[in-house]
Amino acid sequence: MAKLSIFVTLFFIPSLFALDPYTKFTQLNLPPGIIGPESVALDRLNQGPYTGVSDGRILVYKGPNIGFEDFAYTAPNRSKQLCDGTTDVNLGPTCGRALGFSFNNIIGVLYIVDTFLGLFAVGTNGGPATLLANSADGVRFNFLNGVDVNPLTGEVVFTDGSLNFNFRNIVAQNAPSNDSTGRLMIYNPITKQVKVLSDGLSDPGGPVFSLDQTFVLYAEFYAKRIMKYWLIGPKANTSEVLLNLPGRPIKIKRATTPGEFWVAVNIFIDQPQSITPFGYKINSFGEVLLIKEFRAQYNNTQINVVQEYNNGNTLFVGSRTVSYIGIYTKW
């Protein structure tokens, strides 16, 4: 039944596949032994990409002659001897594990959500990141997984996937799909306070501000949908369904065209078990503009982020289970 549902869903939108201009693929390989570039970002000078990896480091790509270098870290007592090169998720609370990034391009600060440790910020020189918050309303964060900065106000929106399971459960594939304890939150850099915008969510992730600051989009992984949370106007402080999807969405990122976004979507089929990764380009009205399939390069692998740069000519793709960042360019 799952295969039939997916076929019917995709059969009526073949033109969205036919429009795919991102036909050239290259990859940036991580240093040997590490995996997991789940989130990807370029700085205000379009340098990078920056990414977080399985051993807790945040790396920055310095070009083909240098490759990746250490940039920052979140764990205050991180030991390079213990942590560098590890893929052991159980060392996450000791070594750190950054799952989301977003630059404030006005001041050059990189905001980081470490899934185990909290919300952090680090300046252009990198090094140890500063902890900004590790709880909201007296409840500690448990599974931070996505973050975005308001490009005008500097406010930071981020998601806590669940109060009951964490990143280790995700890696072990034993997170309950009926959980609805996730939270959408916002951090004010002036007051240094965290406010819960919405709770009772189904593994939320990938929050993103609209360019006009009127709403935030976020994904609900297990509910297979994109939600719109209104910040101002007659619907302020309420959420509504923007788009239902045939697969499970993770992170959402602004595209270079105002009012457009990219969503990482994975379609899971249990028998036989397989994953087909996609990027959905959508607009603020919930219309699907383009569907990009990544199976040819990522095989049976989940992707976590699709990030557009270079005036829409380049896509960076991140995944927590591979050892490279995928780069797709037009024709």
C-alpha atoms as a PDB file:
ATOM      1  CA  MET A   1       0.000   0.000   0.000  1.00  0.00           C
ATOM      2  CA  ALA A   2       2.880   2.382   0.767  1.00  0.00           C
ATOM      3  CA  LYS A   3       4.346   1.894  -2.718  1.00  0.00           C
ATOM      4  CA  LEU A   4       0.968   2.551  -4.340  1.00  0.00           C
ATOM      5  CA  SER A   5       0.437   5.712  -2.292  1.00  0.00           C
ATOM      6  CA  ILE A   6       3.839   7.087  -3.253  1.00  0.00           C
ATOM      7  CA  PHE A   7       3.272   6.223  -6.915  1.00  0.00           C
ATOM      8  CA  VAL A   8      -0.069   7.991  -6.990  1.00  0.00           C
ATOM      9  CA  THR A   9       1.363  11.032  -5.227  1.00  0.00           C
ATOM     10  CA  LEU A  10       4.280  11.378  -7.615  1.00  0.00           C
ATOM     11  CA  PHE A  11       2.514  10.282 -10.811  1.00  0.00           C
ATOM     12  CA  PHE A  12       0.577  13.525 -11.082  1.00  0.00           C
ATOM     13  CA  ILE A  13       3.605  15.802 -10.775  1.00  0.00           C
ATOM     14  CA  PRO A  14       6.058  14.496 -13.411  1.00  0.00           C
ATOM     15  CA  SER A  15       6.727  18.021 -14.672  1.00  0.00           C
ATOM     16  CA  LEU A  16       8.260  18.911 -11.319  1.00  0.00           C
ATOM     17  CA  PHE A  17      10.903  16.226 -11.884  1.00  0.00           C
ATOM     18  CA  ALA A  18      11.403  17.198 -15.528  1.00  0.00           C
ATOM     19  CA  LEU A  19      12.315  20.736 -14.482  1.00  0.00           C
ATOM     20  CA  ASP A  20      15.307  19.543 -12.419  1.00  0.00           C
ATOM     21  CA  PRO A  21      18.320  21.585 -13.592  1.00  0.00           C
ATOM     22  CA  TYR A  22      20.776  20.318 -10.936  1.00  0.00           C
ATOM     23  CA  THR A  23      22.474  17.679 -13.053  1.00  0.00           C
ATOM     24  CA  LYS A  24      26.148  18.056 -12.090  1.00  0.00           C
ATOM     25  CA  PHE A  25      27.295  16.354  -8.876  1.00  0.00           C
ATOM     26  CA  THR A  26      30.530  16.669  -6.927  1.00  0.00           C
ATOM     27  CA  GLN A  27      31.348  15.917  -3.311  1.00  0.00           C
ATOM     28  CA  LEU A  28      33.539  17.321  -0.549  1.00  0.00           C
ATOM     29  CA  ASN A  29      35.005  14.457   1.450  1.00  0.00           C
ATOM     30  CA  LEU A  30      35.323  14.832   5.201  1.00  0.00           C
ATOM     31  CA  PRO A  31      38.564  13.968   7.021  1.00  0.00           C
ATOM     32  CA  PRO A  32      39.063  10.190   7.251  1.00  0.00           C
ATOM     33  CA  GLY A  33      37.029   8.248   9.795  1.00  0.00           C
ATOM     34  CA  ILE A  34      34.249  10.727  10.537  1.00  0.00           C
ATOM     35  CA  ILE A  35      30.719  11.039   9.210  1.00  0.00           C
ATOM     36  CA  GLY A  36      27.571  13.048   9.639  1.00  0.00           C
ATOM     37  CA  PRO A  37      27.518  16.489   7.965  1.00  0.00           C
ATOM     38  CA  GLU A  38      23.854  16.904   8.882  1.00  0.00           C
ATOM     39  CA  SER A  39      23.786  20.690   8.525  1.00  0.00           C
ATOM     40  CA  VAL A  40      25.660  22.932   6.096  1.00  0.00           C
ATOM     41  CA  ALA A  41      26.173  26.703   5.954  1.00  0.00           C
ATOM     42  CA  LEU A  42      28.243  29.359   4.221  1.00  0.00           C
ATOM     43  CA  ASP A  43      29.280  32.540   6.024  1.00  0.00           C
ATOM     44  CA  ARG A  44      28.569  36.125   4.955  1.00  0.00           C
ATOM     45  CA  LEU A  45      31.578  36.053   2.620  1.00  0.00           C
ATOM     46  CA  ASN A  46      30.262  32.828   1.044  1.00  0.00           C
ATOM     47  CA  GLN A  47      33.198  30.958   2.535  1.00  0.00           C
ATOM     48  CA  GLY A  48      32.906  27.353   3.637  1.00  0.00           C
ATOM     49  CA  PRO A  49      30.884  25.252   3.856  1.00  0.00           C
ATOM     50  CA  TYR A  50      30.818  24.874   7.621  1.00  0.00           C
ATOM     51  CA  THR A  51      29.484  21.616   9.009  1.00  0.00           C
ATOM     52  CA  GLY A  52      29.253  19.582  12.197  1.00  0.00           C
ATOM     53  CA  VAL A  53      30.452  15.984  12.289  1.00  0.00           C
ATOM     54  CA  SER A  54      30.158  12.835  14.369  1.00  0.00           C
ATOM     55  CA  ASP A  55      33.079  13.589  16.692  1.00  0.00           C
ATOM     56  CA  GLY A  56      31.635  16.905  17.868  1.00  0.00           C
ATOM     57  CA  ARG A  57      33.776  19.276  15.856  1.00  0.00           C
ATOM     58  CA  ILE A  58      32.484  22.056  13.630  1.00  0.00           C
ATOM     59  CA  LEU A  59      34.626  22.107  10.517  1.00  0.00           C
ATOM     60  CA  VAL A  60      35.114  24.660   7.747  1.00  0.00           C
ATOM     61  CA  TYR A  61      36.161  23.854   4.199  1.00  0.00           C
ATOM     62  CA  LYS A  62      39.198  25.910   3.130  1.00  0.00           C
ATOM     63  CA  GLY A  63      39.463  24.886  -0.502  1.00  0.00           C
ATOM     64  CA  PRO A  64      40.799  21.903  -2.472  1.00  0.00           C
ATOM     65  CA  ASN A  65      44.422  22.424  -1.426  1.00  0.00           C
ATOM     66  CA  ILE A  66      43.622  22.467   2.292  1.00  0.00           C
ATOM     67  CA  GLY A  67      40.339  20.645   2.749  1.00  0.00           C
ATOM     68  CA  PHE A  68      38.485  20.815   6.071  1.00  0.00           C
ATOM     69  CA  GLU A  69      39.931  22.465   9.166  1.00  0.00           C
ATOM     70  CA  ASP A  70      38.730  22.681  12.765  1.00  0.00           C
ATOM     71  CA  PHE A  71      36.620  25.776  13.373  1.00  0.00           C
ATOM     72  CA  ALA A  72      34.688  25.466  16.638  1.00  0.00           C
ATOM     73  CA  TYR A  73      33.388  23.088  19.295  1.00  0.00           C
ATOM     74  CA  THR A  74      30.579  23.118  21.848  1.00  0.00           C
ATOM     75  CA  ALA A  75      31.550  20.678  24.622  1.00  0.00           C
ATOM     76  CA  PRO A  76      33.399  22.704  27.287  1.00  0.00           C
ATOM     77  CA  ASN A  77      35.660  19.839  28.375  1.00  0.00           C
ATOM     78  CA  ARG A  78      36.078  18.217  24.974  1.00  0.00           C
ATOM     79  CA  SER A  79      39.244  16.107  24.667  1.00  0.00           C
ATOM     80  CA  LYS A  80      40.761  15.842  21.209  1.00  0.00           C
ATOM     81  CA  GLN A  81      42.462  12.599  22.242  1.00  0.00           C
ATOM     82  CA  LEU A  82      39.159  11.004  23.231  1.00  0.00           C
ATOM     83  CA  CYS A  83      36.863  12.600  20.673  1.00  0.00           C
ATOM     84  CA  ASP A  84      38.644  13.329  17.382  1.00  0.00           C
ATOM     85  CA  GLY A  85      37.663  10.732  14.807  1.00  0.00           C
ATOM     86  CA  THR A  86      34.954   9.025  16.861  1.00  0.00           C
ATOM     87  CA  THR A  87      31.613   7.958  15.465  1.00  0.00           C
ATOM     88  CA  ASP A  88      30.346   6.708  18.851  1.00  0.00           C
ATOM     89  CA  VAL A  89      27.059   8.525  19.496  1.00  0.00           C
ATOM     90  CA  ASN A  90      27.329   7.665  23.195  1.00  0.00           C
ATOM     91  CA  LEU A  91      30.242  10.099  23.437  1.00  0.00           C
ATOM     92  CA  GLY A  92      27.981  12.919  22.281  1.00  0.00           C
ATOM     93  CA  PRO A  93      27.382  14.440  25.729  1.00  0.00           C
ATOM     94  CA  THR A  94      31.157  14.531  26.256  1.00  0.00           C
ATOM     95  CA  CYS A  95      32.361  15.458  22.782  1.00  0.00           C
ATOM     96  CA  GLY A  96      29.334  17.408  21.521  1.00  0.00           C
ATOM     97  CA  ARG A  97      27.187  16.865  18.446  1.00  0.00           C
ATOM     98  CA  ALA A  98      26.042  19.891  16.452  1.00  0.00           C
ATOM     99  CA  LEU A  99      22.995  19.141  14.289  1.00  0.00           C
ATOM    100  CA  GLY A 100      22.040  22.631  13.100  1.00  0.00           C
ATOM    101  CA  PHE A 101      23.642  25.932  12.103  1.00  0.00           C
ATOM    102  CA  SER A 102      22.563  29.376  11.047  1.00  0.00           C
ATOM    103  CA  PHE A 103      24.645  32.508  10.513  1.00  0.00           C
ATOM    104  CA  ASN A 104      23.675  35.985  11.594  1.00  0.00           C
ATOM    105  CA  ASN A 105      25.289  37.586   8.569  1.00  0.00           C
ATOM    106  CA  ILE A 106      25.026  41.111   9.974  1.00  0.00           C
ATOM    107  CA  ILE A 107      27.347  40.441  12.911  1.00  0.00           C
ATOM    108  CA  GLY A 108      29.069  37.293  11.611  1.00  0.00           C
ATOM    109  CA  VAL A 109      27.946  35.046  14.464  1.00  0.00           C
ATOM    110  CA  LEU A 110      27.235  31.358  13.911  1.00  0.00           C
ATOM    111  CA  TYR A 111      24.378  29.956  16.010  1.00  0.00           C
ATOM    112  CA  ILE A 112      24.612  26.241  16.743  1.00  0.00           C
ATOM    113  CA  VAL A 113      22.219  23.704  18.207  1.00  0.00           C
ATOM    114  CA  ASP A 114      24.123  20.913  19.897  1.00  0.00           C
ATOM    115  CA  THR A 115      21.608  18.114  20.275  1.00  0.00           C
ATOM    116  CA  PHE A 116      22.928  17.120  23.710  1.00  0.00           C
ATOM    117  CA  LEU A 117      24.221  20.375  25.166  1.00  0.00           C
ATOM    118  CA  GLY A 118      22.076  23.333  24.078  1.00  0.00           C
ATOM    119  CA  LEU A 119      22.001  26.496  21.986  1.00  0.00           C
ATOM    120  CA  PHE A 120      25.421  28.057  21.312  1.00  0.00           C
ATOM    121  CA  ALA A 121      27.013  30.948  19.453  1.00  0.00           C
ATOM    122  CA  VAL A 122      30.529  31.463  18.133  1.00  0.00           C
ATOM    123  CA  GLY A 123      32.209  34.380  16.388  1.00  0.00           C
ATOM    124  CA  THR A 124      34.219  34.577  13.190  1.00  0.00           C
ATOM    125  CA  ASN A 125      37.410  33.322  14.860  1.00  0.00           C
ATOM    126  CA  GLY A 126      35.810  30.065  15.974  1.00  0.00           C
ATOM    127  CA  GLY A 127      37.118  28.157  18.971  1.00  0.00           C
ATOM    128  CA  PRO A 128      34.986  27.322  22.025  1.00  0.00           C
ATOM    129  CA  ALA A 129      31.350  28.273  21.444  1.00  0.00           C
ATOM    130  CA  THR A 130      29.385  30.123  24.133  1.00  0.00           C
ATOM    131  CA  LEU A 131      26.384  28.400  25.690  1.00  0.00           C
ATOM    132  CA  LEU A 132      23.289  30.609  25.422  1.00  0.00           C
ATOM    133  CA  ALA A 133      20.580  28.305  26.780  1.00  0.00           C
ATOM    134  CA  ASN A 134      20.006  24.677  27.740  1.00  0.00           C
ATOM    135  CA  SER A 135      16.382  24.830  28.899  1.00  0.00           C
ATOM    136  CA  ALA A 136      13.056  26.605  28.415  1.00  0.00           C
ATOM    137  CA  ASP A 137      10.340  27.086  31.042  1.00  0.00           C
ATOM    138  CA  GLY A 138      12.461  25.065  33.433  1.00  0.00           C
ATOM    139  CA  VAL A 139      12.575  22.021  31.118  1.00  0.00           C
ATOM    140  CA  ARG A 140      15.980  21.036  29.744  1.00  0.00           C
ATOM    141  CA  PHE A 141      16.449  20.567  26.041  1.00  0.00           C
ATOM    142  CA  ASN A 142      16.612  16.932  25.038  1.00  0.00           C
ATOM    143  CA  PHE A 143      16.949  16.651  21.254  1.00  0.00           C
ATOM    144  CA  LEU A 144      17.872  19.972  19.612  1.00  0.00           C
ATOM    145  CA  ASN A 145      17.974  19.500  15.844  1.00  0.00           C
ATOM    146  CA  GLY A 146      17.350  22.715  13.876  1.00  0.00           C
ATOM    147  CA  VAL A 147      17.954  26.468  14.057  1.00  0.00           C
ATOM    148  CA  ASP A 148      17.513  29.662  12.034  1.00  0.00           C
ATOM    149  CA  VAL A 149      18.299  33.349  12.551  1.00  0.00           C
ATOM    150  CA  ASN A 150      15.875  36.112  11.675  1.00  0.00           C
ATOM    151  CA  PRO A 151      17.866  38.031   9.023  1.00  0.00           C
ATOM    152  CA  LEU A 152      16.545  41.394  10.271  1.00  0.00           C
ATOM    153  CA  THR A 153      15.900  41.152  14.020  1.00  0.00           C
ATOM    154  CA  GLY A 154      18.594  38.627  14.969  1.00  0.00           C
ATOM    155  CA  GLU A 155      16.130  36.464  16.899  1.00  0.00           C
ATOM    156  CA  VAL A 156      16.878  32.739  16.812  1.00  0.00           C
ATOM    157  CA  VAL A 157      14.206  30.077  16.293  1.00  0.00           C
ATOM    158  CA  PHE A 158      15.049  26.437  17.073  1.00  0.00           C
ATOM    159  CA  THR A 159      13.456  23.054  17.695  1.00  0.00           C
ATOM    160  CA  ASP A 160      13.629  20.390  20.378  1.00  0.00           C
ATOM    161  CA  GLY A 161      12.480  17.157  18.722  1.00  0.00           C
ATOM    162  CA  SER A 162      11.191  15.381  21.810  1.00  0.00           C
ATOM    163  CA  LEU A 163      11.227  15.387  25.587  1.00  0.00           C
ATOM    164  CA  ASN A 164      11.148  11.562  25.632  1.00  0.00           C
ATOM    165  CA  PHE A 165      13.741  10.427  23.083  1.00  0.00           C
ATOM    166  CA  ASN A 166      17.027  11.883  21.899  1.00  0.00           C
ATOM    167  CA  PHE A 167      19.595  11.646  19.120  1.00  0.00           C
ATOM    168  CA  ARG A 168      20.915   8.321  20.408  1.00  0.00           C
ATOM    169  CA  ASN A 169      17.436   6.820  19.960  1.00  0.00           C
ATOM    170  CA  ILE A 170      17.335   8.164  16.393  1.00  0.00           C
ATOM    171  CA  VAL A 171      20.676   6.559  15.555  1.00  0.00           C
ATOM    172  CA  ALA A 172      19.543   3.274  17.147  1.00  0.00           C
ATOM    173  CA  GLN A 173      16.242   3.533  15.234  1.00  0.00           C
ATOM    174  CA  ASN A 174      14.154   3.028  18.352  1.00  0.00           C
ATOM    175  CA  ALA A 175      12.436   6.412  18.652  1.00  0.00           C
ATOM    176  CA  PRO A 176       8.647   6.072  19.047  1.00  0.00           C
ATOM    177  CA  SER A 177       6.798   7.465  16.032  1.00  0.00           C
ATOM    178  CA  ASN A 178       3.739   8.396  18.127  1.00  0.00           C
ATOM    179  CA  ASP A 179       5.644  10.832  20.335  1.00  0.00           C
ATOM    180  CA  SER A 180       4.278  14.383  20.389  1.00  0.00           C
ATOM    181  CA  THR A 181       6.364  16.218  22.980  1.00  0.00           C
ATOM    182  CA  GLY A 182       8.513  18.359  20.667  1.00  0.00           C
ATOM    183  CA  ARG A 183       8.812  22.135  21.006  1.00  0.00           C
ATOM    184  CA  LEU A 184       9.333  25.172  18.786  1.00  0.00           C
ATOM    185  CA  MET A 185      11.234  27.936  20.617  1.00  0.00           C
ATOM    186  CA  ILE A 186      12.683  31.382  20.058  1.00  0.00           C
ATOM    187  CA  TYR A 187      15.739  33.042  21.631  1.00  0.00           C
ATOM    188  CA  ASN A 188      15.960  36.810  21.998  1.00  0.00           C
ATOM    189  CA  PRO A 189      19.633  37.903  21.851  1.00  0.00           C
ATOM    190  CA  ILE A 190      18.834  41.185  23.608  1.00  0.00           C
ATOM    191  CA  THR A 191      16.939  39.815  26.612  1.00  0.00           C
ATOM    192  CA  LYS A 192      18.784  36.467  26.425  1.00  0.00           C
ATOM    193  CA  GLN A 193      15.501  34.694  27.125  1.00  0.00           C
ATOM    194  CA  VAL A 194      13.983  31.615  25.491  1.00  0.00           C
ATOM    195  CA  LYS A 195      10.245  31.496  24.792  1.00  0.00           C
ATOM    196  CA  VAL A 196       8.272  28.391  23.818  1.00  0.00           C
ATOM    197  CA  LEU A 197       6.174  29.226  20.767  1.00  0.00           C
ATOM    198  CA  SER A 198       4.483  25.854  20.360  1.00  0.00           C
ATOM    199  CA  ASP A 199       4.631  22.430  22.020  1.00  0.00           C
ATOM    200  CA  GLY A 200       3.050  19.005  21.629  1.00  0.00           C
ATOM    201  CA  LEU A 201       4.768  18.568  18.255  1.00  0.00           C
ATOM    202  CA  SER A 202       5.629  15.377  16.353  1.00  0.00           C
ATOM    203  CA  ASP A 203       9.457  15.436  16.158  1.00  0.00           C
ATOM    204  CA  PRO A 204       9.700  19.019  14.851  1.00  0.00           C
ATOM    205  CA  GLY A 205      12.770  20.226  13.005  1.00  0.00           C
ATOM    206  CA  GLY A 206      14.196  22.540  10.413  1.00  0.00           C
ATOM    207  CA  PRO A 207      12.603  25.814  11.504  1.00  0.00           C
ATOM    208  CA  VAL A 208      13.056  28.805   9.209  1.00  0.00           C
ATOM    209  CA  PHE A 209      11.943  32.431   9.301  1.00  0.00           C
ATOM    210  CA  SER A 210      10.184  33.932   6.326  1.00  0.00           C
ATOM    211  CA  LEU A 211      12.143  36.821   4.873  1.00  0.00           C
ATOM    212  CA  ASP A 212       9.304  39.234   5.699  1.00  0.00           C
ATOM    213  CA  GLN A 213       9.284  38.016   9.335  1.00  0.00           C
ATOM    214  CA  THR A 214       5.575  37.192   9.313  1.00  0.00           C
ATOM    215  CA  PHE A 215       5.878  33.452   9.976  1.00  0.00           C
ATOM    216  CA  VAL A 216       8.117  30.494  10.752  1.00  0.00           C
ATOM    217  CA  LEU A 217       7.978  27.191   8.906  1.00  0.00           C
ATOM    218  CA  TYR A 218       8.844  23.976  10.682  1.00  0.00           C
ATOM    219  CA  ALA A 219       8.683  20.293   9.786  1.00  0.00           C
ATOM    220  CA  GLU A 220       6.953  17.531  11.716  1.00  0.00           C
ATOM    221  CA  PHE A 221       8.912  14.415  10.839  1.00  0.00           C
ATOM    222  CA  TYR A 222       6.487  11.683  11.878  1.00  0.00           C
ATOM    223  CA  ALA A 223       3.362  13.616  10.870  1.00  0.00           C
ATOM    224  CA  LYS A 224       4.821  14.090   7.335  1.00  0.00           C
ATOM    225  CA  ARG A 225       3.932  17.736   7.060  1.00  0.00           C
ATOM    226  CA  ILE A 226       5.174  21.317   6.984  1.00  0.00           C
ATOM    227  CA  MET A 227       3.615  23.702   9.490  1.00  0.00           C
ATOM    228  CA  LYS A 228       3.346  27.488   9.382  1.00  0.00           C
ATOM    229  CA  TYR A 229       3.532  29.350  12.692  1.00  0.00           C
ATOM    230  CA  TRP A 230       2.302  32.940  12.387  1.00  0.00           C
ATOM    231  CA  LEU A 231       4.359  35.581  14.200  1.00  0.00           C
ATOM    232  CA  ILE A 232       2.166  38.608  13.441  1.00  0.00           C
ATOM    233  CA  GLY A 233      -1.271  39.409  12.024  1.00  0.00           C
ATOM    234  CA  PRO A 234      -4.733  38.049  12.874  1.00  0.00           C
ATOM    235  CA  LYS A 235      -3.383  34.486  13.143  1.00  0.00           C
ATOM    236  CA  ALA A 236      -0.408  35.433  15.346  1.00  0.00           C
ATOM    237  CA  ASN A 237       0.765  32.733  17.772  1.00  0.00           C
ATOM    238  CA  THR A 238      -1.115  29.962  15.948  1.00  0.00           C
ATOM    239  CA  SER A 239       0.011  27.162  13.617  1.00  0.00           C
ATOM    240  CA  GLU A 240      -1.608  25.728  10.506  1.00  0.00           C
ATOM    241  CA  VAL A 241      -0.718  22.956   8.060  1.00  0.00           C
ATOM    242  CA  LEU A 242       1.061  24.373   5.031  1.00  0.00           C
ATOM    243  CA  LEU A 243       1.776  21.143   3.148  1.00  0.00           C
ATOM    244  CA  ASN A 244       1.295  17.402   3.622  1.00  0.00           C
ATOM    245  CA  LEU A 245       4.053  15.269   2.114  1.00  0.00           C
ATOM    246  CA  PRO A 246       4.461  11.657   0.941  1.00  0.00           C
ATOM    247  CA  GLY A 247       7.642  11.349   3.001  1.00  0.00           C
ATOM    248  CA  ARG A 248       9.166  12.594   6.231  1.00  0.00           C
ATOM    249  CA  PRO A 249      10.579  16.141   6.204  1.00  0.00           C
ATOM    250  CA  ILE A 250      13.574  17.220   8.258  1.00  0.00           C
ATOM    251  CA  LYS A 251      15.241  20.611   7.809  1.00  0.00           C
ATOM    252  CA  ILE A 252      13.800  23.588   5.922  1.00  0.00           C
ATOM    253  CA  LYS A 253      16.024  26.349   4.517  1.00  0.00           C
ATOM    254  CA  ARG A 254      15.307  29.607   2.728  1.00  0.00           C
ATOM    255  CA  ALA A 255      16.045  29.618  -0.993  1.00  0.00           C
ATOM    256  CA  THR A 256      17.659  32.653  -2.590  1.00  0.00           C
ATOM    257  CA  THR A 257      14.337  33.803  -4.076  1.00  0.00           C
ATOM    258  CA  PRO A 258      12.169  35.491  -1.412  1.00  0.00           C
ATOM    259  CA  GLY A 259       9.217  33.359  -0.368  1.00  0.00           C
ATOM    260  CA  GLU A 260      10.783  30.075  -1.500  1.00  0.00           C
ATOM    261  CA  PHE A 261      12.261  27.250   0.582  1.00  0.00           C
ATOM    262  CA  TRP A 262      13.982  23.862   0.292  1.00  0.00           C
ATOM    263  CA  VAL A 263      12.878  20.892   2.397  1.00  0.00           C
ATOM    264  CA  ALA A 264      14.815  17.641   2.853  1.00  0.00           C
ATOM    265  CA  VAL A 265      12.217  14.836   2.494  1.00  0.00           C
ATOM    266  CA  ASN A 266      12.803  11.092   2.824  1.00  0.00           C
ATOM    267  CA  ILE A 267      10.321   8.440   1.718  1.00  0.00           C
ATOM    268  CA  PHE A 268      10.583   5.266   3.808  1.00  0.00           C
ATOM    269  CA  ILE A 269       9.265   1.890   2.676  1.00  0.00           C
ATOM    270  CA  ASP A 270       9.425  -0.889   5.265  1.00  0.00           C
ATOM    271  CA  GLN A 271       9.040  -4.002   3.081  1.00  0.00           C
ATOM    272  CA  PRO A 272      11.590  -4.225   1.668  1.00  0.00           C
ATOM    273  CA  GLN A 273      13.206  -1.515   3.766  1.00  0.00           C
ATOM    274  CA  SER A 274      14.406   1.374   1.625  1.00  0.00           C
ATOM    275  CA  ILE A 275      14.812   5.139   1.683  1.00  0.00           C
ATOM    276  CA  THR A 276      14.464   7.515  -1.237  1.00  0.00           C
ATOM    277  CA  PRO A 277      15.816  11.006  -0.473  1.00  0.00           C
ATOM    278  CA  PHE A 278      14.340  14.112  -2.110  1.00  0.00           C
ATOM    279  CA  GLY A 279      14.599  17.863  -1.999  1.00  0.00           C
ATOM    280  CA  TYR A 280      11.272  19.680  -2.313  1.00  0.00           C
ATOM    281  CA  LYS A 281      11.366  23.326  -3.316  1.00  0.00           C
ATOM    282  CA  ILE A 282       8.194  25.010  -2.079  1.00  0.00           C
ATOM    283  CA  ASN A 283       6.805  28.497  -1.660  1.00  0.00           C
ATOM    284  CA  SER A 284       5.113  30.217   1.258  1.00  0.00           C
ATOM    285  CA  PHE A 285       1.669  29.142  -0.019  1.00  0.00           C
ATOM    286  CA  GLY A 286       2.547  25.445   0.163  1.00  0.00           C
ATOM    287  CA  GLU A 287       2.956  25.005  -3.597  1.00  0.00           C
ATOM    288  CA  VAL A 288       5.626  22.538  -4.741  1.00  0.00           C
ATOM    289  CA  LEU A 289       7.877  24.213  -7.305  1.00  0.00           C
ATOM    290  CA  LEU A 290      10.485  21.520  -7.936  1.00  0.00           C
ATOM    291  CA  ILE A 291      11.326  18.008  -6.761  1.00  0.00           C
ATOM    292  CA  LYS A 292      14.937  16.841  -6.828  1.00  0.00           C
ATOM    293  CA  GLU A 293      15.650  13.147  -6.260  1.00  0.00           C
ATOM    294  CA  PHE A 294      19.042  12.286  -4.727  1.00  0.00           C
ATOM    295  CA  ARG A 295      18.917   8.478  -4.835  1.00  0.00           C
ATOM    296  CA  ALA A 296      21.420   8.173  -7.693  1.00  0.00           C
ATOM    297  CA  GLN A 297      24.180   9.616  -5.487  1.00  0.00           C
ATOM    298  CA  TYR A 298      22.922   8.819  -1.984  1.00  0.00           C
ATOM    299  CA  ASN A 299      21.477   5.371  -2.693  1.00  0.00           C
ATOM    300  CA  ASN A 300      19.446   4.048   0.241  1.00  0.00           C
ATOM    301  CA  THR A 301      20.464   6.934   2.526  1.00  0.00           C
ATOM    302  CA  GLN A 302      18.532   9.573   4.429  1.00  0.00           C
ATOM    303  CA  ILE A 303      19.432  13.198   3.781  1.00  0.00           C
ATOM    304  CA  ASN A 304      18.937  15.917   6.386  1.00  0.00           C
ATOM    305  CA  VAL A 305      19.327  19.266   4.646  1.00  0.00           C
ATOM    306  CA  VAL A 306      19.197  20.870   1.204  1.00  0.00           C
ATOM    307  CA  GLN A 307      20.720  24.348   1.210  1.00  0.00           C
ATOM    308  CA  GLU A 308      20.634  26.646  -1.831  1.00  0.00           C
ATOM    309  CA  TYR A 309      23.387  29.175  -2.584  1.00  0.00           C
ATOM    310  CA  ASN A 310      24.945  31.080  -5.470  1.00  0.00           C
ATOM    311  CA  ASN A 311      21.685  32.696  -6.646  1.00  0.00           C
ATOM    312  CA  GLY A 312      20.023  29.317  -6.860  1.00  0.00           C
ATOM    313  CA  ASN A 313      22.726  27.709  -8.979  1.00  0.00           C
ATOM    314  CA  THR A 314      24.128  25.442  -6.240  1.00  0.00           C
ATOM    315  CA  LEU A 315      22.641  22.986  -3.752  1.00  0.00           C
ATOM    316  CA  PHE A 316      24.558  21.670  -0.744  1.00  0.00           C
ATOM    317  CA  VAL A 317      23.189  18.404   0.638  1.00  0.00           C
ATOM    318  CA  GLY A 318      23.974  17.084   4.107  1.00  0.00           C
ATOM    319  CA  SER A 319      23.355  13.678   5.667  1.00  0.00           C
ATOM    320  CA  ARG A 320      24.148  12.327   9.123  1.00  0.00           C
ATOM    321  CA  THR A 321      25.194   8.920   7.779  1.00  0.00           C
ATOM    322  CA  VAL A 322      27.731   9.720   5.031  1.00  0.00           C
ATOM    323  CA  SER A 323      31.321  10.998   4.922  1.00  0.00           C
ATOM    324  CA  TYR A 324      30.893  13.835   2.447  1.00  0.00           C
ATOM    325  CA  ILE A 325      28.872  16.926   1.560  1.00  0.00           C
ATOM    326  CA  GLY A 326      27.112  16.631  -1.791  1.00  0.00           C
ATOM    327  CA  ILE A 327      27.162  19.605  -4.166  1.00  0.00           C
ATOM    328  CA  TYR A 328      24.748  19.883  -7.085  1.00  0.00           C
ATOM    329  CA  THR A 329      25.097  22.571  -9.715  1.00  0.00           C
ATOM    330  CA  LYS A 330      22.977  23.481 -12.707  1.00  0.00           C
ATOM    331  CA  TRP A 331      23.724  21.753 -15.994  1.00  0.00           C
END
